[in-house]
Amino acid sequence: MKNNNISSPKIPSSLNKIELYQYYIEDNDSFEGIEVKDVALEDYCVEGLSFRETIFKNVEFKETILKGIDLIDVKFIDCDLSNINLSNAIIHRTEFINCKLMGIKLSDATLNNVLFNNCIGSYANFRFSKHKQVVFKECNFTNIDLQSAELNRTSFVHTNLQQAELSGTKLKGIDFTSCDIDGIGVRIEDLRGVIVNPLQASELAKLMGIVIKL
C-alpha cells in the first residue's frame, strides 16, 4: 500500500549515551544525537522540549507533561508512555515500537512520517491532531479518541479500533479492511469514501438506518 511508504528516522550509528534523569531540564531545552536506555523518568513538567536523532529504549515515563515537544528522527523502543501528556507536539520521522501508550495525550499534535508498530494505546487521545504519512500497524488502540482529526495518507493495518471515536474525522480513502472497528463512533457524513470489508459495511449500514435483507 502506498500509504505505508513513510520515511524512517535518520539516526547516526554512534550516539551519546546519557543518564537523562541526572539533567535539570527546563522549558525549550534541546537534545540531539543521544540514547536514553533502561531508566524511569518521573515528574517532568516542561514545555517546548526538543529531541533530535535520539533513541529511547526501555524507558518508562511517569507523571510526565511535555506539552509542545518537538520530536524529529526519534525512536521509542519497548517504552512505556502511558498517560504522558504530549499535546501540541510536533512529531516527524519517529517510530514507536512495542510501546505502551495507554491514555497518551496527543491532542492538537502534528504527526508526519510516524510509525506505531505493535503498540498498546487504549484510550489514547488524538483529538484535533493532524496526521500525514502515519501508519498504525498491528496495534491495540481500543477506545482511541480521533475526533476531528485530519488523516492524510494514514494507514491502519491489523489494528484493533473497537469503540474508537471518529466523529468529525473525514475517512475518505482510509482502509479499515484488516482492522476491528466494532462499535466505532462516527458521523454518517464522515464515512464517504471509507474502505471497508463486506461485514464492516453491514455494520456501518446500521448507522444509516439501512436494513439489509438476505
C-alpha atoms as a PDB file:
ATOM      1  CA  MET A   1       0.000   0.000   0.000  1.00  0.00           C
ATOM      2  CA  LYS A   2       1.373   3.378  -0.911  1.00  0.00           C
ATOM      3  CA  ASN A   3       0.352   4.840   2.438  1.00  0.00           C
ATOM      4  CA  ASN A   4       2.987   2.664   4.094  1.00  0.00           C
ATOM      5  CA  ASN A   5       5.857   4.442   2.338  1.00  0.00           C
ATOM      6  CA  ILE A   6       6.846   6.563   5.290  1.00  0.00           C
ATOM      7  CA  SER A   7      10.302   7.955   5.885  1.00  0.00           C
ATOM      8  CA  SER A   8      12.258   6.266   8.667  1.00  0.00           C
ATOM      9  CA  PRO A   9      14.115   8.188  11.378  1.00  0.00           C
ATOM     10  CA  LYS A  10      17.548   9.384  10.330  1.00  0.00           C
ATOM     11  CA  ILE A  11      19.707   8.416  13.278  1.00  0.00           C
ATOM     12  CA  PRO A  12      23.533   8.221  13.225  1.00  0.00           C
ATOM     13  CA  SER A  13      25.176   4.910  14.107  1.00  0.00           C
ATOM     14  CA  SER A  14      27.045   6.477  17.021  1.00  0.00           C
ATOM     15  CA  LEU A  15      25.036   8.137  19.781  1.00  0.00           C
ATOM     16  CA  ASN A  16      25.991   9.712  23.069  1.00  0.00           C
ATOM     17  CA  LYS A  17      24.558   7.543  25.864  1.00  0.00           C
ATOM     18  CA  ILE A  18      23.376   9.811  28.659  1.00  0.00           C
ATOM     19  CA  GLU A  19      21.631   9.475  32.021  1.00  0.00           C
ATOM     20  CA  LEU A  20      18.839  11.906  31.254  1.00  0.00           C
ATOM     21  CA  TYR A  21      17.399  11.744  34.770  1.00  0.00           C
ATOM     22  CA  GLN A  22      20.564  13.456  36.038  1.00  0.00           C
ATOM     23  CA  TYR A  23      19.892  16.551  33.940  1.00  0.00           C
ATOM     24  CA  TYR A  24      17.951  19.530  35.194  1.00  0.00           C
ATOM     25  CA  ILE A  25      15.614  20.060  32.260  1.00  0.00           C
ATOM     26  CA  GLU A  26      13.943  23.390  31.606  1.00  0.00           C
ATOM     27  CA  ASP A  27      11.439  24.680  29.061  1.00  0.00           C
ATOM     28  CA  ASN A  28      12.741  24.753  25.465  1.00  0.00           C
ATOM     29  CA  ASP A  29      15.835  22.654  26.209  1.00  0.00           C
ATOM     30  CA  SER A  30      17.216  20.723  23.237  1.00  0.00           C
ATOM     31  CA  PHE A  31      18.955  17.335  22.962  1.00  0.00           C
ATOM     32  CA  GLU A  32      20.491  15.786  19.846  1.00  0.00           C
ATOM     33  CA  GLY A  33      22.329  12.582  18.983  1.00  0.00           C
ATOM     34  CA  ILE A  34      21.651  10.770  22.260  1.00  0.00           C
ATOM     35  CA  GLU A  35      20.496   7.385  23.528  1.00  0.00           C
ATOM     36  CA  VAL A  36      18.469   7.011  26.717  1.00  0.00           C
ATOM     37  CA  LYS A  37      18.123   3.455  27.952  1.00  0.00           C
ATOM     38  CA  ASP A  38      16.774   1.359  30.857  1.00  0.00           C
ATOM     39  CA  VAL A  39      15.542   4.166  33.082  1.00  0.00           C
ATOM     40  CA  ALA A  40      12.382   5.638  34.596  1.00  0.00           C
ATOM     41  CA  LEU A  41      11.860   9.367  34.043  1.00  0.00           C
ATOM     42  CA  GLU A  42       9.460  10.828  36.594  1.00  0.00           C
ATOM     43  CA  ASP A  43       7.656  14.074  37.344  1.00  0.00           C
ATOM     44  CA  TYR A  44       8.814  16.091  34.335  1.00  0.00           C
ATOM     45  CA  CYS A  45       6.644  19.091  33.511  1.00  0.00           C
ATOM     46  CA  VAL A  46       8.277  21.215  30.811  1.00  0.00           C
ATOM     47  CA  GLU A  47       7.198  22.763  27.520  1.00  0.00           C
ATOM     48  CA  GLY A  48       8.907  23.160  24.165  1.00  0.00           C
ATOM     49  CA  LEU A  49      11.433  20.366  24.746  1.00  0.00           C
ATOM     50  CA  SER A  50      13.261  19.147  21.622  1.00  0.00           C
ATOM     51  CA  PHE A  51      14.797  15.749  20.828  1.00  0.00           C
ATOM     52  CA  ARG A  52      16.535  15.039  17.532  1.00  0.00           C
ATOM     53  CA  GLU A  53      18.354  11.939  16.329  1.00  0.00           C
ATOM     54  CA  THR A  54      17.509  10.149  19.577  1.00  0.00           C
ATOM     55  CA  ILE A  55      16.728   6.619  20.714  1.00  0.00           C
ATOM     56  CA  PHE A  56      14.702   5.868  23.835  1.00  0.00           C
ATOM     57  CA  LYS A  57      14.893   2.174  24.743  1.00  0.00           C
ATOM     58  CA  ASN A  58      13.127   0.560  27.678  1.00  0.00           C
ATOM     59  CA  VAL A  59      12.298   3.945  29.181  1.00  0.00           C
ATOM     60  CA  GLU A  60       9.294   4.486  31.443  1.00  0.00           C
ATOM     61  CA  PHE A  61       7.767   7.944  31.633  1.00  0.00           C
ATOM     62  CA  LYS A  62       5.833   8.573  34.862  1.00  0.00           C
ATOM     63  CA  GLU A  63       3.659  11.561  35.765  1.00  0.00           C
ATOM     64  CA  THR A  64       5.099  13.416  32.784  1.00  0.00           C
ATOM     65  CA  ILE A  65       3.835  16.504  30.948  1.00  0.00           C
ATOM     66  CA  LEU A  66       5.817  17.517  27.859  1.00  0.00           C
ATOM     67  CA  LYS A  67       3.463  19.838  26.014  1.00  0.00           C
ATOM     68  CA  GLY A  68       4.691  21.182  22.696  1.00  0.00           C
ATOM     69  CA  ILE A  69       7.544  18.696  22.482  1.00  0.00           C
ATOM     70  CA  ASP A  70       9.458  18.548  19.189  1.00  0.00           C
ATOM     71  CA  LEU A  71      10.490  15.034  18.108  1.00  0.00           C
ATOM     72  CA  ILE A  72      12.474  14.680  14.889  1.00  0.00           C
ATOM     73  CA  ASP A  73      14.273  11.457  13.898  1.00  0.00           C
ATOM     74  CA  VAL A  74      13.430   9.645  17.136  1.00  0.00           C
ATOM     75  CA  LYS A  75      12.802   6.001  18.053  1.00  0.00           C
ATOM     76  CA  PHE A  76      10.906   4.757  21.098  1.00  0.00           C
ATOM     77  CA  ILE A  77      11.585   1.031  21.583  1.00  0.00           C
ATOM     78  CA  ASP A  78       9.929  -1.014  24.377  1.00  0.00           C
ATOM     79  CA  CYS A  79       8.980   2.193  26.195  1.00  0.00           C
ATOM     80  CA  ASP A  80       6.056   2.992  28.475  1.00  0.00           C
ATOM     81  CA  LEU A  81       4.500   6.370  27.683  1.00  0.00           C
ATOM     82  CA  SER A  82       1.149   5.646  29.284  1.00  0.00           C
ATOM     83  CA  ASN A  83      -0.751   8.777  30.317  1.00  0.00           C
ATOM     84  CA  ILE A  84       2.058  11.094  29.191  1.00  0.00           C
ATOM     85  CA  ASN A  85       0.832  14.494  28.016  1.00  0.00           C
ATOM     86  CA  LEU A  86       2.319  15.362  24.603  1.00  0.00           C
ATOM     87  CA  SER A  87      -0.417  17.721  23.477  1.00  0.00           C
ATOM     88  CA  ASN A  88       0.571  20.193  20.749  1.00  0.00           C
ATOM     89  CA  ALA A  89       3.593  18.033  19.919  1.00  0.00           C
ATOM     90  CA  ILE A  90       5.348  18.156  16.562  1.00  0.00           C
ATOM     91  CA  ILE A  91       6.493  14.638  15.647  1.00  0.00           C
ATOM     92  CA  HIS A  92       8.407  13.954  12.437  1.00  0.00           C
ATOM     93  CA  ARG A  93      10.171  10.782  11.244  1.00  0.00           C
ATOM     94  CA  THR A  94       9.528   9.000  14.537  1.00  0.00           C
ATOM     95  CA  GLU A  95       8.788   5.373  15.413  1.00  0.00           C
ATOM     96  CA  PHE A  96       7.034   3.850  18.405  1.00  0.00           C
ATOM     97  CA  ILE A  97       7.948   0.143  18.511  1.00  0.00           C
ATOM     98  CA  ASN A  98       6.484  -2.290  21.084  1.00  0.00           C
ATOM     99  CA  CYS A  99       5.424   0.608  23.289  1.00  0.00           C
ATOM    100  CA  LYS A 100       2.710   1.079  25.893  1.00  0.00           C
ATOM    101  CA  LEU A 101       0.727   4.209  25.058  1.00  0.00           C
ATOM    102  CA  MET A 102      -2.395   3.768  27.185  1.00  0.00           C
ATOM    103  CA  GLY A 103      -4.052   7.095  27.750  1.00  0.00           C
ATOM    104  CA  ILE A 104      -1.328   9.045  25.956  1.00  0.00           C
ATOM    105  CA  LYS A 105      -2.449  12.575  25.152  1.00  0.00           C
ATOM    106  CA  LEU A 106      -1.561  13.768  21.648  1.00  0.00           C
ATOM    107  CA  SER A 107      -4.397  16.212  21.150  1.00  0.00           C
ATOM    108  CA  ASP A 108      -3.639  19.025  18.704  1.00  0.00           C
ATOM    109  CA  ALA A 109      -0.402  17.266  17.759  1.00  0.00           C
ATOM    110  CA  THR A 110       1.128  17.261  14.277  1.00  0.00           C
ATOM    111  CA  LEU A 111       2.438  13.879  13.102  1.00  0.00           C
ATOM    112  CA  ASN A 112       4.400  13.473   9.873  1.00  0.00           C
ATOM    113  CA  ASN A 113       6.051  10.186   8.829  1.00  0.00           C
ATOM    114  CA  VAL A 114       5.257   8.392  12.084  1.00  0.00           C
ATOM    115  CA  LEU A 115       5.005   4.635  12.696  1.00  0.00           C
ATOM    116  CA  PHE A 116       3.174   2.936  15.548  1.00  0.00           C
ATOM    117  CA  ASN A 117       4.121  -0.757  15.422  1.00  0.00           C
ATOM    118  CA  ASN A 118       2.861  -3.398  17.867  1.00  0.00           C
ATOM    119  CA  CYS A 119       1.805  -0.779  20.412  1.00  0.00           C
ATOM    120  CA  ILE A 120      -0.926  -0.828  23.046  1.00  0.00           C
ATOM    121  CA  GLY A 121      -2.693   2.527  23.104  1.00  0.00           C
ATOM    122  CA  SER A 122      -6.133   2.062  24.612  1.00  0.00           C
ATOM    123  CA  TYR A 123      -7.853   5.375  25.405  1.00  0.00           C
ATOM    124  CA  ALA A 124      -5.169   7.372  23.573  1.00  0.00           C
ATOM    125  CA  ASN A 125      -6.267  10.931  22.818  1.00  0.00           C
ATOM    126  CA  PHE A 126      -5.541  12.184  19.292  1.00  0.00           C
ATOM    127  CA  ARG A 127      -8.359  14.710  19.196  1.00  0.00           C
ATOM    128  CA  PHE A 128      -7.797  17.559  16.702  1.00  0.00           C
ATOM    129  CA  SER A 129      -4.435  16.058  15.676  1.00  0.00           C
ATOM    130  CA  LYS A 130      -3.041  16.310  12.139  1.00  0.00           C
ATOM    131  CA  HIS A 131      -1.639  13.160  10.518  1.00  0.00           C
ATOM    132  CA  LYS A 132       0.365  12.898   7.305  1.00  0.00           C
ATOM    133  CA  GLN A 133       2.083   9.662   6.300  1.00  0.00           C
ATOM    134  CA  VAL A 134       1.233   7.866   9.561  1.00  0.00           C
ATOM    135  CA  VAL A 135       0.936   4.093   9.991  1.00  0.00           C
ATOM    136  CA  PHE A 136      -0.720   2.168  12.820  1.00  0.00           C
ATOM    137  CA  LYS A 137       0.419  -1.444  12.382  1.00  0.00           C
ATOM    138  CA  GLU A 138      -0.613  -4.442  14.481  1.00  0.00           C
ATOM    139  CA  CYS A 139      -1.627  -2.227  17.384  1.00  0.00           C
ATOM    140  CA  ASN A 140      -4.355  -2.235  20.016  1.00  0.00           C
ATOM    141  CA  PHE A 141      -5.972   1.212  20.087  1.00  0.00           C
ATOM    142  CA  THR A 142      -9.371   0.372  21.544  1.00  0.00           C
ATOM    143  CA  ASN A 143     -11.338   3.425  22.675  1.00  0.00           C
ATOM    144  CA  ILE A 144      -8.935   5.760  20.883  1.00  0.00           C
ATOM    145  CA  ASP A 145     -10.177   9.344  20.551  1.00  0.00           C
ATOM    146  CA  LEU A 146      -9.595  10.549  16.984  1.00  0.00           C
ATOM    147  CA  GLN A 147     -12.402  13.063  16.905  1.00  0.00           C
ATOM    148  CA  SER A 148     -11.963  15.951  14.466  1.00  0.00           C
ATOM    149  CA  ALA A 149      -8.537  14.663  13.427  1.00  0.00           C
ATOM    150  CA  GLU A 150      -7.049  15.100   9.954  1.00  0.00           C
ATOM    151  CA  LEU A 151      -5.941  11.767   8.477  1.00  0.00           C
ATOM    152  CA  ASN A 152      -3.894  12.442   5.369  1.00  0.00           C
ATOM    153  CA  ARG A 153      -2.262   9.311   3.892  1.00  0.00           C
ATOM    154  CA  THR A 154      -2.822   7.453   7.138  1.00  0.00           C
ATOM    155  CA  SER A 155      -2.948   3.651   7.319  1.00  0.00           C
ATOM    156  CA  PHE A 156      -4.433   1.267   9.858  1.00  0.00           C
ATOM    157  CA  VAL A 157      -3.083  -2.270   9.401  1.00  0.00           C
ATOM    158  CA  HIS A 158      -4.321  -5.183  11.543  1.00  0.00           C
ATOM    159  CA  THR A 159      -5.163  -2.750  14.320  1.00  0.00           C
ATOM    160  CA  ASN A 160      -7.880  -3.062  16.954  1.00  0.00           C
ATOM    161  CA  LEU A 161     -10.021   0.081  16.834  1.00  0.00           C
ATOM    162  CA  GLN A 162     -13.014  -1.165  18.794  1.00  0.00           C
ATOM    163  CA  GLN A 163     -15.089   1.659  20.281  1.00  0.00           C
ATOM    164  CA  ALA A 164     -12.892   4.272  18.589  1.00  0.00           C
ATOM    165  CA  GLU A 165     -14.328   7.796  18.493  1.00  0.00           C
ATOM    166  CA  LEU A 166     -14.029   9.235  14.981  1.00  0.00           C
ATOM    167  CA  SER A 167     -16.777  11.844  14.880  1.00  0.00           C
ATOM    168  CA  GLY A 168     -15.803  14.819  12.764  1.00  0.00           C
ATOM    169  CA  THR A 169     -12.937  12.974  11.082  1.00  0.00           C
ATOM    170  CA  LYS A 170     -13.122  12.587   7.313  1.00  0.00           C
ATOM    171  CA  LEU A 171     -12.450   8.954   6.444  1.00  0.00           C
ATOM    172  CA  LYS A 172     -12.209   9.169   2.659  1.00  0.00           C
ATOM    173  CA  GLY A 173      -9.531   6.749   1.441  1.00  0.00           C
ATOM    174  CA  ILE A 174      -8.950   5.223   4.886  1.00  0.00           C
ATOM    175  CA  ASP A 175      -8.731   1.426   4.634  1.00  0.00           C
ATOM    176  CA  PHE A 176     -10.118  -0.424   7.641  1.00  0.00           C
ATOM    177  CA  THR A 177     -10.472  -3.828   5.967  1.00  0.00           C
ATOM    178  CA  SER A 178      -7.845  -5.545   8.139  1.00  0.00           C
ATOM    179  CA  CYS A 179      -8.966  -3.873  11.370  1.00  0.00           C
ATOM    180  CA  ASP A 180     -11.599  -4.427  14.045  1.00  0.00           C
ATOM    181  CA  ILE A 181     -13.845  -1.358  14.033  1.00  0.00           C
ATOM    182  CA  ASP A 182     -16.698  -2.791  16.056  1.00  0.00           C
ATOM    183  CA  GLY A 183     -18.605  -0.128  17.931  1.00  0.00           C
ATOM    184  CA  ILE A 184     -16.840   2.888  16.449  1.00  0.00           C
ATOM    185  CA  GLY A 185     -18.438   6.280  16.879  1.00  0.00           C
ATOM    186  CA  VAL A 186     -18.663   8.154  13.593  1.00  0.00           C
ATOM    187  CA  ARG A 187     -20.936  10.579  11.756  1.00  0.00           C
ATOM    188  CA  ILE A 188     -22.628   9.343   8.600  1.00  0.00           C
ATOM    189  CA  GLU A 189     -21.250  12.235   6.552  1.00  0.00           C
ATOM    190  CA  ASP A 190     -17.675  11.317   7.510  1.00  0.00           C
ATOM    191  CA  LEU A 191     -17.984   7.803   6.053  1.00  0.00           C
ATOM    192  CA  ARG A 192     -17.958   8.933   2.426  1.00  0.00           C
ATOM    193  CA  GLY A 193     -15.101   7.157   0.618  1.00  0.00           C
ATOM    194  CA  VAL A 194     -14.092   4.923   3.544  1.00  0.00           C
ATOM    195  CA  ILE A 195     -12.776   1.467   2.567  1.00  0.00           C
ATOM    196  CA  VAL A 196     -14.271  -1.468   4.474  1.00  0.00           C
ATOM    197  CA  ASN A 197     -14.937  -5.166   4.002  1.00  0.00           C
ATOM    198  CA  PRO A 198     -18.483  -6.577   3.483  1.00  0.00           C
ATOM    199  CA  LEU A 199     -19.026  -7.416   7.163  1.00  0.00           C
ATOM    200  CA  GLN A 200     -17.908  -3.940   8.225  1.00  0.00           C
ATOM    201  CA  ALA A 201     -20.145  -2.388   5.578  1.00  0.00           C
ATOM    202  CA  SER A 202     -23.102  -4.292   7.003  1.00  0.00           C
ATOM    203  CA  GLU A 203     -22.403  -2.958  10.496  1.00  0.00           C
ATOM    204  CA  LEU A 204     -21.869   0.611   9.301  1.00  0.00           C
ATOM    205  CA  ALA A 205     -25.116   0.440   7.340  1.00  0.00           C
ATOM    206  CA  LYS A 206     -26.942   0.253  10.649  1.00  0.00           C
ATOM    207  CA  LEU A 207     -25.691   3.774  11.434  1.00  0.00           C
ATOM    208  CA  MET A 208     -27.589   4.943   8.378  1.00  0.00           C
ATOM    209  CA  GLY A 209     -30.742   3.111   9.268  1.00  0.00           C
ATOM    210  CA  ILE A 210     -30.294   0.697   6.370  1.00  0.00           C
ATOM    211  CA  VAL A 211     -31.806  -2.757   6.781  1.00  0.00           C
ATOM    212  CA  ILE A 212     -30.015  -5.431   4.744  1.00  0.00           C
ATOM    213  CA  LYS A 213     -32.319  -8.316   3.831  1.00  0.00           C
ATOM    214  CA  LEU A 214     -30.781 -11.578   2.728  1.00  0.00           C
END
